Amino acid sequence: MAFIKWQDEFLVGIPKVDEQHRKLLETINDLHLLLHTRVSPEKLKDIVFFLNEYVVEHFGTEEALMKASTALPEKLRERHFREHRFFVDKIQEFTGTLETESANKKGYLLDIFEFLGHWFADHILKIDKETAAYLRQDRELRNKNEEESLPHGNG
């Protein structure tokens, strides 16, 4: 059973981003399970590998949407980018520690688990949701403009 079950209130309303967030939540649940069992070095490496891929894919998705946005306030964009850089730095720190002896200890696992849990609550459920509201405005405006530019039949 999952530690945190996916709920509709976690949705930001951008399907690709929501799917990426869902994968991160699955990883948080995997970490929770590992905390209550024997730490598998292979599983831990898989998780850290996933997190390194996640920052490239997910932040690439979000940041491309934010760069293309005309509705997103610049201050929010800058804050969001800063928070992404902080996350990348933490994942690099965890990756570096993975190569050391301390990576096999529950404390290391707990550090990653707590970091991701706070990230999910503080970043995804707050700043991502706020940002997504502006990004959806852009999408709605684009869709409206595309509909208006379509030729109308003379029926």
C-alpha atoms as a PDB file:
ATOM      1  CA  MET A   1       0.000   0.000   0.000  1.00  0.00           C
ATOM      2  CA  ALA A   2       1.247   3.475  -0.924  1.00  0.00           C
ATOM      3  CA  PHE A   3       2.400   5.863   1.783  1.00  0.00           C
ATOM      4  CA  ILE A   4       0.805   8.728  -0.138  1.00  0.00           C
ATOM      5  CA  LYS A   5      -1.976   7.876  -2.559  1.00  0.00           C
ATOM      6  CA  TRP A   6      -2.298  10.042  -5.669  1.00  0.00           C
ATOM      7  CA  GLN A   7      -5.261  12.395  -5.408  1.00  0.00           C
ATOM      8  CA  ASP A   8      -6.939  14.757  -7.839  1.00  0.00           C
ATOM      9  CA  GLU A   9      -5.970  17.701  -5.629  1.00  0.00           C
ATOM     10  CA  PHE A  10      -2.351  17.052  -6.703  1.00  0.00           C
ATOM     11  CA  LEU A  11      -3.218  17.792 -10.341  1.00  0.00           C
ATOM     12  CA  VAL A  12      -1.904  21.027 -11.831  1.00  0.00           C
ATOM     13  CA  GLY A  13      -4.001  20.626 -14.975  1.00  0.00           C
ATOM     14  CA  ILE A  14      -1.177  20.061 -17.450  1.00  0.00           C
ATOM     15  CA  PRO A  15      -1.272  16.327 -18.288  1.00  0.00           C
ATOM     16  CA  LYS A  16       2.444  15.838 -19.051  1.00  0.00           C
ATOM     17  CA  VAL A  17       3.462  17.651 -15.850  1.00  0.00           C
ATOM     18  CA  ASP A  18       0.864  15.761 -13.816  1.00  0.00           C
ATOM     19  CA  GLU A  19       2.239  12.431 -15.075  1.00  0.00           C
ATOM     20  CA  GLN A  20       5.772  13.478 -14.134  1.00  0.00           C
ATOM     21  CA  HIS A  21       4.580  14.499 -10.657  1.00  0.00           C
ATOM     22  CA  ARG A  22       2.843  11.136 -10.324  1.00  0.00           C
ATOM     23  CA  LYS A  23       6.154   9.364 -11.047  1.00  0.00           C
ATOM     24  CA  LEU A  24       7.887  11.438  -8.384  1.00  0.00           C
ATOM     25  CA  LEU A  25       5.195  10.490  -5.877  1.00  0.00           C
ATOM     26  CA  GLU A  26       5.731   6.815  -6.755  1.00  0.00           C
ATOM     27  CA  THR A  27       9.422   7.324  -5.985  1.00  0.00           C
ATOM     28  CA  ILE A  28       8.571   8.886  -2.620  1.00  0.00           C
ATOM     29  CA  ASN A  29       6.432   5.825  -1.891  1.00  0.00           C
ATOM     30  CA  ASP A  30       9.311   3.526  -2.926  1.00  0.00           C
ATOM     31  CA  LEU A  31      11.608   5.368  -0.512  1.00  0.00           C
ATOM     32  CA  HIS A  32       9.064   5.006   2.278  1.00  0.00           C
ATOM     33  CA  LEU A  33       8.928   1.260   1.667  1.00  0.00           C
ATOM     34  CA  LEU A  34      12.733   1.050   1.675  1.00  0.00           C
ATOM     35  CA  LEU A  35      12.836   2.860   5.015  1.00  0.00           C
ATOM     36  CA  HIS A  36      10.816   0.008   6.522  1.00  0.00           C
ATOM     37  CA  THR A  37      12.761  -2.815   4.922  1.00  0.00           C
ATOM     38  CA  ARG A  38      16.391  -3.676   4.292  1.00  0.00           C
ATOM     39  CA  VAL A  39      18.065  -0.966   2.227  1.00  0.00           C
ATOM     40  CA  SER A  40      18.809  -2.395  -1.202  1.00  0.00           C
ATOM     41  CA  PRO A  41      21.850  -0.649  -2.716  1.00  0.00           C
ATOM     42  CA  GLU A  42      20.562  -1.462  -6.214  1.00  0.00           C
ATOM     43  CA  LYS A  43      17.105  -0.009  -5.534  1.00  0.00           C
ATOM     44  CA  LEU A  44      18.709   3.075  -4.006  1.00  0.00           C
ATOM     45  CA  LYS A  45      20.880   3.544  -7.108  1.00  0.00           C
ATOM     46  CA  ASP A  46      17.769   3.171  -9.283  1.00  0.00           C
ATOM     47  CA  ILE A  47      16.016   5.905  -7.297  1.00  0.00           C
ATOM     48  CA  VAL A  48      18.939   8.322  -7.484  1.00  0.00           C
ATOM     49  CA  PHE A  49      19.290   7.552 -11.214  1.00  0.00           C
ATOM     50  CA  PHE A  50      15.574   8.275 -11.669  1.00  0.00           C
ATOM     51  CA  LEU A  51      15.928  11.599  -9.813  1.00  0.00           C
ATOM     52  CA  ASN A  52      18.781  12.641 -12.097  1.00  0.00           C
ATOM     53  CA  GLU A  53      16.642  11.831 -15.148  1.00  0.00           C
ATOM     54  CA  TYR A  54      13.623  13.518 -13.556  1.00  0.00           C
ATOM     55  CA  VAL A  55      15.370  16.878 -13.213  1.00  0.00           C
ATOM     56  CA  VAL A  56      16.257  16.863 -16.902  1.00  0.00           C
ATOM     57  CA  GLU A  57      12.866  15.717 -18.202  1.00  0.00           C
ATOM     58  CA  HIS A  58      10.518  17.393 -15.754  1.00  0.00           C
ATOM     59  CA  PHE A  59      12.320  20.687 -15.309  1.00  0.00           C
ATOM     60  CA  GLY A  60      12.868  20.801 -19.064  1.00  0.00           C
ATOM     61  CA  THR A  61       9.112  20.446 -19.582  1.00  0.00           C
ATOM     62  CA  GLU A  62       8.163  23.060 -16.998  1.00  0.00           C
ATOM     63  CA  GLU A  63      10.845  25.543 -17.951  1.00  0.00           C
ATOM     64  CA  ALA A  64      10.004  25.359 -21.671  1.00  0.00           C
ATOM     65  CA  LEU A  65       6.360  26.079 -20.833  1.00  0.00           C
ATOM     66  CA  MET A  66       7.370  28.944 -18.544  1.00  0.00           C
ATOM     67  CA  LYS A  67       9.714  30.478 -21.143  1.00  0.00           C
ATOM     68  CA  ALA A  68       6.942  30.389 -23.748  1.00  0.00           C
ATOM     69  CA  SER A  69       4.380  31.893 -21.396  1.00  0.00           C
ATOM     70  CA  THR A  70       3.188  35.441 -21.825  1.00  0.00           C
ATOM     71  CA  ALA A  71       0.887  35.296 -18.791  1.00  0.00           C
ATOM     72  CA  LEU A  72       3.407  34.146 -16.156  1.00  0.00           C
ATOM     73  CA  PRO A  73       4.738  37.018 -13.998  1.00  0.00           C
ATOM     74  CA  GLU A  74       8.514  37.351 -14.255  1.00  0.00           C
ATOM     75  CA  LYS A  75       8.987  37.202 -10.460  1.00  0.00           C
ATOM     76  CA  LEU A  76       7.195  33.847 -10.300  1.00  0.00           C
ATOM     77  CA  ARG A  77       9.205  32.518 -13.244  1.00  0.00           C
ATOM     78  CA  GLU A  78      12.478  33.555 -11.602  1.00  0.00           C
ATOM     79  CA  ARG A  79      11.471  32.046  -8.251  1.00  0.00           C
ATOM     80  CA  HIS A  80      10.447  28.815  -9.940  1.00  0.00           C
ATOM     81  CA  PHE A  81      13.758  28.581 -11.811  1.00  0.00           C
ATOM     82  CA  ARG A  82      15.699  29.258  -8.564  1.00  0.00           C
ATOM     83  CA  GLU A  83      13.822  26.475  -6.800  1.00  0.00           C
ATOM     84  CA  HIS A  84      14.608  24.116  -9.670  1.00  0.00           C
ATOM     85  CA  ARG A  85      18.326  24.972  -9.358  1.00  0.00           C
ATOM     86  CA  PHE A  86      18.133  24.217  -5.621  1.00  0.00           C
ATOM     87  CA  PHE A  87      16.533  20.832  -6.359  1.00  0.00           C
ATOM     88  CA  VAL A  88      19.224  20.021  -8.940  1.00  0.00           C
ATOM     89  CA  ASP A  89      21.945  20.912  -6.416  1.00  0.00           C
ATOM     90  CA  LYS A  90      20.377  18.618  -3.787  1.00  0.00           C
ATOM     91  CA  ILE A  91      20.082  15.729  -6.248  1.00  0.00           C
ATOM     92  CA  GLN A  92      23.737  16.211  -7.208  1.00  0.00           C
ATOM     93  CA  GLU A  93      24.614  16.143  -3.513  1.00  0.00           C
ATOM     94  CA  PHE A  94      22.656  12.902  -3.045  1.00  0.00           C
ATOM     95  CA  THR A  95      24.319  11.446  -6.141  1.00  0.00           C
ATOM     96  CA  GLY A  96      27.774  12.283  -4.793  1.00  0.00           C
ATOM     97  CA  THR A  97      26.949  10.691  -1.455  1.00  0.00           C
ATOM     98  CA  LEU A  98      25.711   7.554  -3.228  1.00  0.00           C
ATOM     99  CA  GLU A  99      29.324   6.744  -4.080  1.00  0.00           C
ATOM    100  CA  THR A 100      30.348   6.745  -0.405  1.00  0.00           C
ATOM    101  CA  GLU A 101      29.856   4.260   2.401  1.00  0.00           C
ATOM    102  CA  SER A 102      27.200   6.418   4.099  1.00  0.00           C
ATOM    103  CA  ALA A 103      24.840   5.809   1.176  1.00  0.00           C
ATOM    104  CA  ASN A 104      24.016   2.384   2.596  1.00  0.00           C
ATOM    105  CA  LYS A 105      22.670   3.823   5.817  1.00  0.00           C
ATOM    106  CA  LYS A 106      19.036   4.556   6.617  1.00  0.00           C
ATOM    107  CA  GLY A 107      19.963   8.176   7.407  1.00  0.00           C
ATOM    108  CA  TYR A 108      20.889   8.800   3.780  1.00  0.00           C
ATOM    109  CA  LEU A 109      17.621   7.266   2.652  1.00  0.00           C
ATOM    110  CA  LEU A 110      15.690   9.316   5.198  1.00  0.00           C
ATOM    111  CA  ASP A 111      17.386  12.518   3.974  1.00  0.00           C
ATOM    112  CA  ILE A 112      16.225  11.858   0.404  1.00  0.00           C
ATOM    113  CA  PHE A 113      12.748  10.855   1.568  1.00  0.00           C
ATOM    114  CA  GLU A 114      12.307  13.988   3.688  1.00  0.00           C
ATOM    115  CA  PHE A 115      13.677  16.268   0.972  1.00  0.00           C
ATOM    116  CA  LEU A 116      11.308  14.854  -1.648  1.00  0.00           C
ATOM    117  CA  GLY A 117       8.354  14.926   0.747  1.00  0.00           C
ATOM    118  CA  HIS A 118       8.956  18.595   1.520  1.00  0.00           C
ATOM    119  CA  TRP A 119       9.495  19.315  -2.168  1.00  0.00           C
ATOM    120  CA  PHE A 120       6.193  17.689  -3.060  1.00  0.00           C
ATOM    121  CA  ALA A 121       4.300  19.639  -0.396  1.00  0.00           C
ATOM    122  CA  ASP A 122       6.076  22.983  -0.713  1.00  0.00           C
ATOM    123  CA  HIS A 123       6.942  23.178  -4.384  1.00  0.00           C
ATOM    124  CA  ILE A 124       4.568  20.993  -6.362  1.00  0.00           C
ATOM    125  CA  LEU A 125       1.414  21.659  -4.365  1.00  0.00           C
ATOM    126  CA  LYS A 126       2.101  25.390  -4.122  1.00  0.00           C
ATOM    127  CA  ILE A 127       4.396  26.994  -6.685  1.00  0.00           C
ATOM    128  CA  ASP A 128       3.715  24.451  -9.457  1.00  0.00           C
ATOM    129  CA  LYS A 129      -0.025  24.858  -9.013  1.00  0.00           C
ATOM    130  CA  GLU A 130       0.290  28.646  -9.037  1.00  0.00           C
ATOM    131  CA  THR A 131       2.508  28.569 -12.127  1.00  0.00           C
ATOM    132  CA  ALA A 132       0.234  26.094 -13.913  1.00  0.00           C
ATOM    133  CA  ALA A 133      -2.734  28.422 -13.501  1.00  0.00           C
ATOM    134  CA  TYR A 134      -0.890  31.023 -15.606  1.00  0.00           C
ATOM    135  CA  LEU A 135       0.287  28.406 -18.106  1.00  0.00           C
ATOM    136  CA  ARG A 136      -3.282  27.185 -18.579  1.00  0.00           C
ATOM    137  CA  GLN A 137      -4.321  30.810 -19.284  1.00  0.00           C
ATOM    138  CA  ASP A 138      -1.735  30.878 -22.079  1.00  0.00           C
ATOM    139  CA  ARG A 139      -3.067  27.619 -23.496  1.00  0.00           C
ATOM    140  CA  GLU A 140      -6.687  28.813 -23.325  1.00  0.00           C
ATOM    141  CA  LEU A 141      -5.777  32.085 -25.052  1.00  0.00           C
ATOM    142  CA  ARG A 142      -3.842  30.224 -27.767  1.00  0.00           C
ATOM    143  CA  ASN A 143      -6.777  27.852 -28.334  1.00  0.00           C
ATOM    144  CA  LYS A 144      -9.199  30.779 -28.540  1.00  0.00           C
ATOM    145  CA  ASN A 145      -6.977  32.614 -31.021  1.00  0.00           C
ATOM    146  CA  GLU A 146      -6.606  29.481 -33.145  1.00  0.00           C
ATOM    147  CA  GLU A 147     -10.375  28.986 -33.212  1.00  0.00           C
ATOM    148  CA  GLU A 148     -10.926  32.622 -34.207  1.00  0.00           C
ATOM    149  CA  SER A 149      -8.414  32.346 -37.054  1.00  0.00           C
ATOM    150  CA  LEU A 150     -10.118  29.297 -38.591  1.00  0.00           C
ATOM    151  CA  PRO A 151     -12.115  30.045 -41.744  1.00  0.00           C
ATOM    152  CA  HIS A 152     -15.825  30.108 -41.137  1.00  0.00           C
ATOM    153  CA  GLY A 153     -18.096  28.354 -43.618  1.00  0.00           C
ATOM    154  CA  ASN A 154     -20.775  30.284 -45.483  1.00  0.00           C
ATOM    155  CA  GLY A 155     -23.258  27.597 -44.903  1.00  0.00           C
END
